[in-house]
Amino acid sequence: MIQTSKLITKHIIQFLLTIVGIGFITALSFSLFLPKGERLSELWNQLQIFFWSFFYFKDLEVIMNVQELIYVPFYTVLKEPYVYSLTILFAAFICSIIAALLLSYITYMAPKVVKKIIHSLLFFLQSVPDVVMIAGLQIVLFWIFNKTGVMIIDPIAGLESNVYILPIFVVSIIPTIQLFQMIYLSINEEEIREYVEYARAKGLSKSWVLVRHILRNVTITLLTNTKLIFWVIISNLFIVEFLLNMKGYFSFLFKNTSSPEIFFMSLVLLFIPFFILDLIFKYIVNRLRGVSEFI
């Protein structure tokens, strides 16, 4: 019971310190452009505003029309782009895991020649910048539409529609390659362990040993690197939203750079789900390792 209380306290402190860090960096970035004599006082004022924003969250407002000064509640405006972007983020994450696991399985079971081809192809894709990849995909989609009249995927978001398939596909490419490299390297490391050799000696097939024994330990490697993968996905989504004219979270965020408290609360709302997921993944990893404490 005491140990559980300590863990909960530790996570709460970690959570609060991260929010304080987000607030400090946000306030500092807005106060740096002021005259030197006003910076410290403005920094302190902004931090106080950020603090009280949590208690008056429903009263936060966003300017929808600058000329007519039309204000609307912050949470109602953010809801749609926030859900839209998080849907793409988590869908891309799940797709990356599934694709990386399948690629790892195929590569592990394939002959050496096929392995070389897969590695070369993935190396090429990883070296292509996101901007070039997105532009290339758009050109291909428009070319197909021009030749056949069939729009396979709408490559650009309209005023009233959101695109999902293309952003998820593009955002998940680099994370898939990185996860594949991590998983495949982990599989190769596990393959020389004694328990694998023992299973092989019992006559179990290569595929059976991989699925039933090796993947359990590979899952640990996968989950311990999720934080890095999420950072990659977020940075990719930032670029994709701009290039595909998506009305997502980052589009909302940069439309409100003139409002420090709105900018701060938006960052906090992005941080919260990833913090919770990080705790869940750490718990799963330690359960797989047989550790009772999840941190």
C-alpha atoms as a PDB file:
ATOM      1  CA  MET A   1       0.000   0.000   0.000  1.00  0.00           C
ATOM      2  CA  ILE A   2       2.810   2.407   0.941  1.00  0.00           C
ATOM      3  CA  GLN A   3       4.713   1.497  -2.218  1.00  0.00           C
ATOM      4  CA  THR A   4       1.612   2.154  -4.340  1.00  0.00           C
ATOM      5  CA  SER A   5       1.131   5.561  -2.709  1.00  0.00           C
ATOM      6  CA  LYS A   6       4.750   6.454  -3.441  1.00  0.00           C
ATOM      7  CA  LEU A   7       4.337   5.467  -7.090  1.00  0.00           C
ATOM      8  CA  ILE A   8       1.142   7.501  -7.466  1.00  0.00           C
ATOM      9  CA  THR A   9       2.820  10.502  -5.831  1.00  0.00           C
ATOM     10  CA  LYS A  10       5.825  10.097  -8.119  1.00  0.00           C
ATOM     11  CA  HIS A  11       3.648  10.105 -11.242  1.00  0.00           C
ATOM     12  CA  ILE A  12       1.605  13.089 -10.072  1.00  0.00           C
ATOM     13  CA  ILE A  13       4.799  15.070  -9.399  1.00  0.00           C
ATOM     14  CA  GLN A  14       6.212  14.040 -12.776  1.00  0.00           C
ATOM     15  CA  PHE A  15       2.965  15.085 -14.469  1.00  0.00           C
ATOM     16  CA  LEU A  16       2.846  18.460 -12.702  1.00  0.00           C
ATOM     17  CA  LEU A  17       6.522  19.221 -13.335  1.00  0.00           C
ATOM     18  CA  THR A  18       6.053  18.535 -17.039  1.00  0.00           C
ATOM     19  CA  ILE A  19       3.085  20.919 -17.175  1.00  0.00           C
ATOM     20  CA  VAL A  20       5.118  23.544 -15.309  1.00  0.00           C
ATOM     21  CA  GLY A  21       7.898  23.051 -17.858  1.00  0.00           C
ATOM     22  CA  ILE A  22       5.453  23.491 -20.751  1.00  0.00           C
ATOM     23  CA  GLY A  23       4.083  26.618 -19.093  1.00  0.00           C
ATOM     24  CA  PHE A  24       7.528  28.095 -18.437  1.00  0.00           C
ATOM     25  CA  ILE A  25       8.748  27.514 -22.007  1.00  0.00           C
ATOM     26  CA  THR A  26       5.510  28.932 -23.456  1.00  0.00           C
ATOM     27  CA  ALA A  27       5.587  32.008 -21.211  1.00  0.00           C
ATOM     28  CA  LEU A  28       9.281  32.551 -21.912  1.00  0.00           C
ATOM     29  CA  SER A  29       8.771  32.377 -25.678  1.00  0.00           C
ATOM     30  CA  PHE A  30       6.043  35.042 -25.501  1.00  0.00           C
ATOM     31  CA  SER A  31       7.960  37.366 -23.139  1.00  0.00           C
ATOM     32  CA  LEU A  32      11.298  37.282 -25.005  1.00  0.00           C
ATOM     33  CA  PHE A  33      10.066  39.787 -27.601  1.00  0.00           C
ATOM     34  CA  LEU A  34       9.325  42.438 -24.967  1.00  0.00           C
ATOM     35  CA  PRO A  35      11.800  45.079 -23.730  1.00  0.00           C
ATOM     36  CA  LYS A  36      14.295  43.764 -21.167  1.00  0.00           C
ATOM     37  CA  GLY A  37      12.689  45.582 -18.251  1.00  0.00           C
ATOM     38  CA  GLU A  38       9.294  43.990 -18.884  1.00  0.00           C
ATOM     39  CA  ARG A  39      10.326  40.386 -19.533  1.00  0.00           C
ATOM     40  CA  LEU A  40      10.410  39.055 -15.966  1.00  0.00           C
ATOM     41  CA  SER A  41       7.149  40.689 -14.935  1.00  0.00           C
ATOM     42  CA  GLU A  42       5.410  39.459 -18.103  1.00  0.00           C
ATOM     43  CA  LEU A  43       6.826  35.959 -17.574  1.00  0.00           C
ATOM     44  CA  TRP A  44       5.394  35.892 -14.056  1.00  0.00           C
ATOM     45  CA  ASN A  45       2.038  37.273 -15.232  1.00  0.00           C
ATOM     46  CA  GLN A  46       1.783  34.638 -17.950  1.00  0.00           C
ATOM     47  CA  LEU A  47       2.559  31.829 -15.504  1.00  0.00           C
ATOM     48  CA  GLN A  48      -0.219  33.069 -13.227  1.00  0.00           C
ATOM     49  CA  ILE A  49      -2.647  33.222 -16.160  1.00  0.00           C
ATOM     50  CA  PHE A  50      -1.694  29.659 -17.125  1.00  0.00           C
ATOM     51  CA  PHE A  51      -2.301  28.478 -13.572  1.00  0.00           C
ATOM     52  CA  TRP A  52      -5.770  30.029 -13.332  1.00  0.00           C
ATOM     53  CA  SER A  53      -6.648  28.769 -16.813  1.00  0.00           C
ATOM     54  CA  PHE A  54      -7.152  25.292 -15.329  1.00  0.00           C
ATOM     55  CA  PHE A  55      -9.818  26.633 -12.947  1.00  0.00           C
ATOM     56  CA  TYR A  56     -11.569  28.731 -15.603  1.00  0.00           C
ATOM     57  CA  PHE A  57     -11.131  26.330 -18.508  1.00  0.00           C
ATOM     58  CA  LYS A  58     -14.724  26.746 -19.724  1.00  0.00           C
ATOM     59  CA  ASP A  59     -14.284  30.519 -19.804  1.00  0.00           C
ATOM     60  CA  LEU A  60     -11.331  30.421 -22.208  1.00  0.00           C
ATOM     61  CA  GLU A  61     -12.293  31.876 -25.570  1.00  0.00           C
ATOM     62  CA  VAL A  62     -10.851  31.940 -29.068  1.00  0.00           C
ATOM     63  CA  ILE A  63     -11.249  34.741 -31.604  1.00  0.00           C
ATOM     64  CA  MET A  64     -13.047  33.352 -34.639  1.00  0.00           C
ATOM     65  CA  ASN A  65     -13.398  36.637 -36.520  1.00  0.00           C
ATOM     66  CA  VAL A  66     -10.726  39.277 -35.889  1.00  0.00           C
ATOM     67  CA  GLN A  67     -12.558  42.055 -37.744  1.00  0.00           C
ATOM     68  CA  GLU A  68     -15.888  41.557 -35.966  1.00  0.00           C
ATOM     69  CA  LEU A  69     -14.253  40.318 -32.712  1.00  0.00           C
ATOM     70  CA  ILE A  70     -16.369  37.181 -32.473  1.00  0.00           C
ATOM     71  CA  TYR A  71     -15.336  34.980 -29.535  1.00  0.00           C
ATOM     72  CA  VAL A  72     -16.264  31.324 -29.084  1.00  0.00           C
ATOM     73  CA  PRO A  73     -15.462  28.858 -26.254  1.00  0.00           C
ATOM     74  CA  PHE A  74     -12.009  27.312 -26.581  1.00  0.00           C
ATOM     75  CA  TYR A  75     -13.070  23.712 -25.913  1.00  0.00           C
ATOM     76  CA  THR A  76     -15.783  23.761 -28.593  1.00  0.00           C
ATOM     77  CA  VAL A  77     -13.395  25.033 -31.278  1.00  0.00           C
ATOM     78  CA  LEU A  78     -10.520  22.705 -30.342  1.00  0.00           C
ATOM     79  CA  LYS A  79     -12.618  19.538 -30.063  1.00  0.00           C
ATOM     80  CA  GLU A  80     -12.904  18.689 -33.772  1.00  0.00           C
ATOM     81  CA  PRO A  81      -9.264  19.354 -34.858  1.00  0.00           C
ATOM     82  CA  TYR A  82      -7.978  17.727 -31.652  1.00  0.00           C
ATOM     83  CA  VAL A  83      -9.972  14.515 -32.165  1.00  0.00           C
ATOM     84  CA  TYR A  84      -9.124  14.520 -35.883  1.00  0.00           C
ATOM     85  CA  SER A  85      -5.368  14.752 -35.323  1.00  0.00           C
ATOM     86  CA  LEU A  86      -5.334  12.254 -32.448  1.00  0.00           C
ATOM     87  CA  THR A  87      -7.288   9.802 -34.610  1.00  0.00           C
ATOM     88  CA  ILE A  88      -4.604  10.045 -37.284  1.00  0.00           C
ATOM     89  CA  LEU A  89      -1.797   9.835 -34.698  1.00  0.00           C
ATOM     90  CA  PHE A  90      -3.032   6.679 -33.011  1.00  0.00           C
ATOM     91  CA  ALA A  91      -4.176   5.075 -36.266  1.00  0.00           C
ATOM     92  CA  ALA A  92      -0.705   5.704 -37.716  1.00  0.00           C
ATOM     93  CA  PHE A  93       0.872   4.259 -34.563  1.00  0.00           C
ATOM     94  CA  ILE A  94      -1.218   1.072 -34.736  1.00  0.00           C
ATOM     95  CA  CYS A  95      -0.597   0.719 -38.480  1.00  0.00           C
ATOM     96  CA  SER A  96       3.144   1.178 -37.895  1.00  0.00           C
ATOM     97  CA  ILE A  97       3.232  -1.585 -35.279  1.00  0.00           C
ATOM     98  CA  ILE A  98       1.237  -4.027 -37.424  1.00  0.00           C
ATOM     99  CA  ALA A  99       3.271  -3.267 -40.561  1.00  0.00           C
ATOM    100  CA  ALA A 100       6.589  -3.478 -38.681  1.00  0.00           C
ATOM    101  CA  LEU A 101       5.675  -6.838 -37.122  1.00  0.00           C
ATOM    102  CA  LEU A 102       4.575  -8.254 -40.485  1.00  0.00           C
ATOM    103  CA  LEU A 103       7.728  -6.974 -42.195  1.00  0.00           C
ATOM    104  CA  SER A 104       9.875  -8.439 -39.425  1.00  0.00           C
ATOM    105  CA  TYR A 105       8.143 -11.811 -39.744  1.00  0.00           C
ATOM    106  CA  ILE A 106       8.450 -11.853 -43.554  1.00  0.00           C
ATOM    107  CA  THR A 107      12.099 -10.780 -43.439  1.00  0.00           C
ATOM    108  CA  TYR A 108      12.936 -13.316 -40.738  1.00  0.00           C
ATOM    109  CA  MET A 109      11.370 -16.164 -42.727  1.00  0.00           C
ATOM    110  CA  ALA A 110      12.593 -15.001 -46.157  1.00  0.00           C
ATOM    111  CA  PRO A 111      15.752 -16.126 -48.014  1.00  0.00           C
ATOM    112  CA  LYS A 112      18.858 -13.914 -47.845  1.00  0.00           C
ATOM    113  CA  VAL A 113      18.230 -12.398 -51.291  1.00  0.00           C
ATOM    114  CA  VAL A 114      14.745 -11.223 -50.298  1.00  0.00           C
ATOM    115  CA  LYS A 115      16.106  -9.863 -47.002  1.00  0.00           C
ATOM    116  CA  LYS A 116      18.609  -7.700 -48.896  1.00  0.00           C
ATOM    117  CA  ILE A 117      15.862  -6.355 -51.176  1.00  0.00           C
ATOM    118  CA  ILE A 118      13.621  -5.478 -48.211  1.00  0.00           C
ATOM    119  CA  HIS A 119      16.453  -3.748 -46.354  1.00  0.00           C
ATOM    120  CA  SER A 120      17.444  -1.761 -49.464  1.00  0.00           C
ATOM    121  CA  LEU A 121      13.858  -0.670 -50.116  1.00  0.00           C
ATOM    122  CA  LEU A 122      13.311   0.440 -46.525  1.00  0.00           C
ATOM    123  CA  PHE A 123      16.638   2.279 -46.472  1.00  0.00           C
ATOM    124  CA  PHE A 124      15.580   4.155 -49.623  1.00  0.00           C
ATOM    125  CA  LEU A 125      12.177   5.094 -48.165  1.00  0.00           C
ATOM    126  CA  GLN A 126      13.779   6.307 -44.940  1.00  0.00           C
ATOM    127  CA  SER A 127      16.151   8.565 -46.889  1.00  0.00           C
ATOM    128  CA  VAL A 128      13.328  10.270 -48.820  1.00  0.00           C
ATOM    129  CA  PRO A 129      12.195  13.521 -47.098  1.00  0.00           C
ATOM    130  CA  ASP A 130       8.554  13.645 -45.989  1.00  0.00           C
ATOM    131  CA  VAL A 131       7.865  16.675 -48.177  1.00  0.00           C
ATOM    132  CA  VAL A 132       9.116  14.883 -51.313  1.00  0.00           C
ATOM    133  CA  MET A 133       7.178  11.728 -50.424  1.00  0.00           C
ATOM    134  CA  ILE A 134       3.895  13.590 -49.917  1.00  0.00           C
ATOM    135  CA  ALA A 135       4.351  15.604 -53.123  1.00  0.00           C
ATOM    136  CA  GLY A 136       5.151  12.409 -55.040  1.00  0.00           C
ATOM    137  CA  LEU A 137       2.060  10.635 -53.707  1.00  0.00           C
ATOM    138  CA  GLN A 138      -0.129  13.600 -54.623  1.00  0.00           C
ATOM    139  CA  ILE A 139       1.263  13.625 -58.178  1.00  0.00           C
ATOM    140  CA  VAL A 140       0.630   9.881 -58.546  1.00  0.00           C
ATOM    141  CA  LEU A 141      -2.947  10.201 -57.243  1.00  0.00           C
ATOM    142  CA  PHE A 142      -3.722  13.111 -59.576  1.00  0.00           C
ATOM    143  CA  TRP A 143      -2.147  11.235 -62.503  1.00  0.00           C
ATOM    144  CA  ILE A 144      -4.361   8.199 -61.823  1.00  0.00           C
ATOM    145  CA  PHE A 145      -7.405  10.481 -61.553  1.00  0.00           C
ATOM    146  CA  ASN A 146      -6.480  12.212 -64.832  1.00  0.00           C
ATOM    147  CA  LYS A 147      -6.086   8.890 -66.665  1.00  0.00           C
ATOM    148  CA  THR A 148      -8.966   6.915 -65.189  1.00  0.00           C
ATOM    149  CA  GLY A 149     -11.301   9.470 -63.637  1.00  0.00           C
ATOM    150  CA  VAL A 150     -11.116   7.544 -60.368  1.00  0.00           C
ATOM    151  CA  MET A 151     -10.021   9.397 -57.228  1.00  0.00           C
ATOM    152  CA  ILE A 152      -8.582   6.584 -55.091  1.00  0.00           C
ATOM    153  CA  ILE A 153      -7.830   8.885 -52.157  1.00  0.00           C
ATOM    154  CA  ASP A 154      -8.601  12.586 -51.878  1.00  0.00           C
ATOM    155  CA  PRO A 155      -5.062  13.967 -51.377  1.00  0.00           C
ATOM    156  CA  ILE A 156      -6.110  17.391 -50.117  1.00  0.00           C
ATOM    157  CA  ALA A 157      -8.582  18.225 -47.370  1.00  0.00           C
ATOM    158  CA  GLY A 158     -11.457  20.487 -48.336  1.00  0.00           C
ATOM    159  CA  LEU A 159     -13.256  23.099 -46.279  1.00  0.00           C
ATOM    160  CA  GLU A 160     -15.908  20.653 -45.062  1.00  0.00           C
ATOM    161  CA  SER A 161     -14.148  17.293 -45.368  1.00  0.00           C
ATOM    162  CA  ASN A 162     -11.283  15.576 -43.588  1.00  0.00           C
ATOM    163  CA  VAL A 163      -8.885  13.147 -45.210  1.00  0.00           C
ATOM    164  CA  TYR A 164      -7.704  10.117 -43.257  1.00  0.00           C
ATOM    165  CA  ILE A 165      -6.178   7.379 -45.418  1.00  0.00           C
ATOM    166  CA  LEU A 166      -3.381   9.387 -47.054  1.00  0.00           C
ATOM    167  CA  PRO A 167      -2.235  11.181 -43.850  1.00  0.00           C
ATOM    168  CA  ILE A 168      -2.247   7.924 -41.882  1.00  0.00           C
ATOM    169  CA  PHE A 169      -0.276   6.196 -44.638  1.00  0.00           C
ATOM    170  CA  VAL A 170       2.330   8.963 -44.976  1.00  0.00           C
ATOM    171  CA  VAL A 171       2.703   9.574 -41.230  1.00  0.00           C
ATOM    172  CA  SER A 172       3.231   5.857 -40.540  1.00  0.00           C
ATOM    173  CA  ILE A 173       6.004   5.226 -43.118  1.00  0.00           C
ATOM    174  CA  ILE A 174       9.035   6.445 -41.123  1.00  0.00           C
ATOM    175  CA  PRO A 175       7.791   5.004 -37.777  1.00  0.00           C
ATOM    176  CA  THR A 176       7.190   1.660 -39.512  1.00  0.00           C
ATOM    177  CA  ILE A 177      10.772   1.575 -40.787  1.00  0.00           C
ATOM    178  CA  GLN A 178      12.183   2.546 -37.380  1.00  0.00           C
ATOM    179  CA  LEU A 179      10.040  -0.013 -35.578  1.00  0.00           C
ATOM    180  CA  PHE A 180      11.010  -2.666 -38.105  1.00  0.00           C
ATOM    181  CA  GLN A 181      14.700  -1.965 -37.487  1.00  0.00           C
ATOM    182  CA  MET A 182      14.205  -2.174 -33.718  1.00  0.00           C
ATOM    183  CA  ILE A 183      12.110  -5.339 -33.879  1.00  0.00           C
ATOM    184  CA  TYR A 184      14.294  -7.134 -36.398  1.00  0.00           C
ATOM    185  CA  LEU A 185      17.470  -6.294 -34.464  1.00  0.00           C
ATOM    186  CA  SER A 186      15.804  -7.565 -31.290  1.00  0.00           C
ATOM    187  CA  ILE A 187      14.749 -10.781 -33.079  1.00  0.00           C
ATOM    188  CA  ASN A 188      18.342 -11.384 -34.194  1.00  0.00           C
ATOM    189  CA  GLU A 189      19.566 -10.831 -30.633  1.00  0.00           C
ATOM    190  CA  GLU A 190      16.966 -13.218 -29.210  1.00  0.00           C
ATOM    191  CA  GLU A 191      17.706 -15.860 -31.844  1.00  0.00           C
ATOM    192  CA  ILE A 192      21.114 -16.673 -30.315  1.00  0.00           C
ATOM    193  CA  ARG A 193      19.691 -17.148 -26.807  1.00  0.00           C
ATOM    194  CA  GLU A 194      19.728 -20.593 -25.221  1.00  0.00           C
ATOM    195  CA  TYR A 195      15.937 -20.909 -24.964  1.00  0.00           C
ATOM    196  CA  VAL A 196      15.630 -20.473 -28.755  1.00  0.00           C
ATOM    197  CA  GLU A 197      18.290 -23.107 -29.432  1.00  0.00           C
ATOM    198  CA  TYR A 198      16.551 -25.427 -26.971  1.00  0.00           C
ATOM    199  CA  ALA A 199      13.180 -24.912 -28.694  1.00  0.00           C
ATOM    200  CA  ARG A 200      14.757 -25.588 -32.077  1.00  0.00           C
ATOM    201  CA  ALA A 201      16.389 -28.763 -30.709  1.00  0.00           C
ATOM    202  CA  LYS A 202      12.933 -29.995 -29.697  1.00  0.00           C
ATOM    203  CA  GLY A 203      11.927 -29.835 -33.354  1.00  0.00           C
ATOM    204  CA  LEU A 204       9.786 -26.699 -33.199  1.00  0.00           C
ATOM    205  CA  SER A 205       9.563 -24.779 -36.462  1.00  0.00           C
ATOM    206  CA  LYS A 206      11.258 -21.432 -37.030  1.00  0.00           C
ATOM    207  CA  SER A 207       7.889 -19.713 -37.375  1.00  0.00           C
ATOM    208  CA  TRP A 208       6.530 -21.277 -34.166  1.00  0.00           C
ATOM    209  CA  VAL A 209       9.584 -20.248 -32.128  1.00  0.00           C
ATOM    210  CA  LEU A 210       9.324 -16.686 -33.447  1.00  0.00           C
ATOM    211  CA  VAL A 211       5.630 -16.241 -32.705  1.00  0.00           C
ATOM    212  CA  ARG A 212       5.406 -18.131 -29.409  1.00  0.00           C
ATOM    213  CA  HIS A 213       8.733 -17.319 -27.786  1.00  0.00           C
ATOM    214  CA  ILE A 214      10.784 -14.554 -29.405  1.00  0.00           C
ATOM    215  CA  LEU A 215       7.964 -12.033 -29.919  1.00  0.00           C
ATOM    216  CA  ARG A 216       7.244 -11.884 -26.188  1.00  0.00           C
ATOM    217  CA  ASN A 217      10.690 -10.438 -25.518  1.00  0.00           C
ATOM    218  CA  VAL A 218      10.552  -8.334 -28.672  1.00  0.00           C
ATOM    219  CA  THR A 219       7.359  -6.722 -27.342  1.00  0.00           C
ATOM    220  CA  ILE A 220       9.405  -5.318 -24.461  1.00  0.00           C
ATOM    221  CA  THR A 221      11.780  -3.626 -26.913  1.00  0.00           C
ATOM    222  CA  LEU A 222       8.820  -2.326 -28.891  1.00  0.00           C
ATOM    223  CA  LEU A 223       7.007  -0.787 -25.924  1.00  0.00           C
ATOM    224  CA  THR A 224      10.121   0.772 -24.386  1.00  0.00           C
ATOM    225  CA  ASN A 225      10.676   2.763 -27.586  1.00  0.00           C
ATOM    226  CA  THR A 226       7.129   4.045 -28.052  1.00  0.00           C
ATOM    227  CA  LYS A 227       8.020   7.515 -26.755  1.00  0.00           C
ATOM    228  CA  LEU A 228      10.531   7.998 -29.587  1.00  0.00           C
ATOM    229  CA  ILE A 229       8.044   6.670 -32.152  1.00  0.00           C
ATOM    230  CA  PHE A 230       5.339   9.058 -30.958  1.00  0.00           C
ATOM    231  CA  TRP A 231       7.726  12.000 -31.326  1.00  0.00           C
ATOM    232  CA  VAL A 232       8.423  10.934 -34.918  1.00  0.00           C
ATOM    233  CA  ILE A 233       4.704  10.561 -35.652  1.00  0.00           C
ATOM    234  CA  ILE A 234       3.917  13.985 -34.169  1.00  0.00           C
ATOM    235  CA  SER A 235       6.655  15.695 -36.199  1.00  0.00           C
ATOM    236  CA  ASN A 236       5.460  13.920 -39.356  1.00  0.00           C
ATOM    237  CA  LEU A 237       1.854  14.929 -38.723  1.00  0.00           C
ATOM    238  CA  PHE A 238       2.912  18.558 -38.312  1.00  0.00           C
ATOM    239  CA  ILE A 239       4.359  18.516 -41.854  1.00  0.00           C
ATOM    240  CA  VAL A 240       1.487  16.498 -43.317  1.00  0.00           C
ATOM    241  CA  GLU A 241      -1.192  18.826 -41.914  1.00  0.00           C
ATOM    242  CA  PHE A 242       0.479  21.786 -43.594  1.00  0.00           C
ATOM    243  CA  LEU A 243       1.036  20.104 -46.964  1.00  0.00           C
ATOM    244  CA  LEU A 244      -2.413  18.500 -47.195  1.00  0.00           C
ATOM    245  CA  ASN A 245      -4.280  21.581 -45.975  1.00  0.00           C
ATOM    246  CA  MET A 246      -5.687  19.621 -43.037  1.00  0.00           C
ATOM    247  CA  LYS A 247      -7.827  21.368 -40.423  1.00  0.00           C
ATOM    248  CA  GLY A 248      -6.183  19.540 -37.554  1.00  0.00           C
ATOM    249  CA  TYR A 249      -4.614  20.242 -34.178  1.00  0.00           C
ATOM    250  CA  PHE A 250      -1.453  21.931 -35.477  1.00  0.00           C
ATOM    251  CA  SER A 251      -3.460  24.140 -37.810  1.00  0.00           C
ATOM    252  CA  PHE A 252      -5.486  25.293 -34.797  1.00  0.00           C
ATOM    253  CA  LEU A 253      -2.361  25.699 -32.670  1.00  0.00           C
ATOM    254  CA  PHE A 254      -0.579  28.052 -35.055  1.00  0.00           C
ATOM    255  CA  LYS A 255      -3.692  30.112 -35.680  1.00  0.00           C
ATOM    256  CA  ASN A 256      -3.650  30.952 -31.965  1.00  0.00           C
ATOM    257  CA  THR A 257       0.010  31.797 -31.412  1.00  0.00           C
ATOM    258  CA  SER A 258      -1.031  35.307 -30.368  1.00  0.00           C
ATOM    259  CA  SER A 259      -2.936  33.933 -27.366  1.00  0.00           C
ATOM    260  CA  PRO A 260      -0.497  32.465 -24.782  1.00  0.00           C
ATOM    261  CA  GLU A 261      -3.114  30.759 -22.579  1.00  0.00           C
ATOM    262  CA  ILE A 262      -4.800  29.085 -25.570  1.00  0.00           C
ATOM    263  CA  PHE A 263      -1.426  27.957 -26.910  1.00  0.00           C
ATOM    264  CA  PHE A 264      -0.446  26.602 -23.479  1.00  0.00           C
ATOM    265  CA  MET A 265      -3.693  24.711 -22.866  1.00  0.00           C
ATOM    266  CA  SER A 266      -3.513  23.196 -26.357  1.00  0.00           C
ATOM    267  CA  LEU A 267      -0.020  21.841 -25.620  1.00  0.00           C
ATOM    268  CA  VAL A 268      -1.162  20.444 -22.268  1.00  0.00           C
ATOM    269  CA  LEU A 269      -4.091  18.649 -23.924  1.00  0.00           C
ATOM    270  CA  LEU A 270      -1.676  17.097 -26.416  1.00  0.00           C
ATOM    271  CA  PHE A 271       0.641  15.971 -23.612  1.00  0.00           C
ATOM    272  CA  ILE A 272      -1.995  14.281 -21.407  1.00  0.00           C
ATOM    273  CA  PRO A 273      -2.920  11.247 -23.593  1.00  0.00           C
ATOM    274  CA  PHE A 274       0.734  10.480 -24.330  1.00  0.00           C
ATOM    275  CA  PHE A 275       1.632  10.679 -20.644  1.00  0.00           C
ATOM    276  CA  ILE A 276      -1.137   8.190 -19.811  1.00  0.00           C
ATOM    277  CA  LEU A 277      -0.059   5.858 -22.632  1.00  0.00           C
ATOM    278  CA  ASP A 278       3.545   6.018 -21.461  1.00  0.00           C
ATOM    279  CA  LEU A 279       2.486   4.838 -17.987  1.00  0.00           C
ATOM    280  CA  ILE A 280       0.390   2.027 -19.467  1.00  0.00           C
ATOM    281  CA  PHE A 281       3.261   0.821 -21.662  1.00  0.00           C
ATOM    282  CA  LYS A 282       5.701   0.917 -18.738  1.00  0.00           C
ATOM    283  CA  TYR A 283       3.262  -1.138 -16.689  1.00  0.00           C
ATOM    284  CA  ILE A 284       2.927  -3.735 -19.477  1.00  0.00           C
ATOM    285  CA  VAL A 285       6.711  -3.924 -19.936  1.00  0.00           C
ATOM    286  CA  ASN A 286       7.321  -4.562 -16.259  1.00  0.00           C
ATOM    287  CA  ARG A 287       4.553  -7.158 -16.126  1.00  0.00           C
ATOM    288  CA  LEU A 288       6.248  -8.973 -19.005  1.00  0.00           C
ATOM    289  CA  ARG A 289       9.538  -8.775 -17.121  1.00  0.00           C
ATOM    290  CA  GLY A 290       7.903 -10.109 -13.975  1.00  0.00           C
ATOM    291  CA  VAL A 291       8.370  -6.883 -12.013  1.00  0.00           C
ATOM    292  CA  SER A 292       5.564  -5.991  -9.621  1.00  0.00           C
ATOM    293  CA  GLU A 293       6.237  -2.235  -9.725  1.00  0.00           C
ATOM    294  CA  PHE A 294       5.357  -0.641 -13.048  1.00  0.00           C
ATOM    295  CA  ILE A 295       7.968   2.120 -12.859  1.00  0.00           C
END
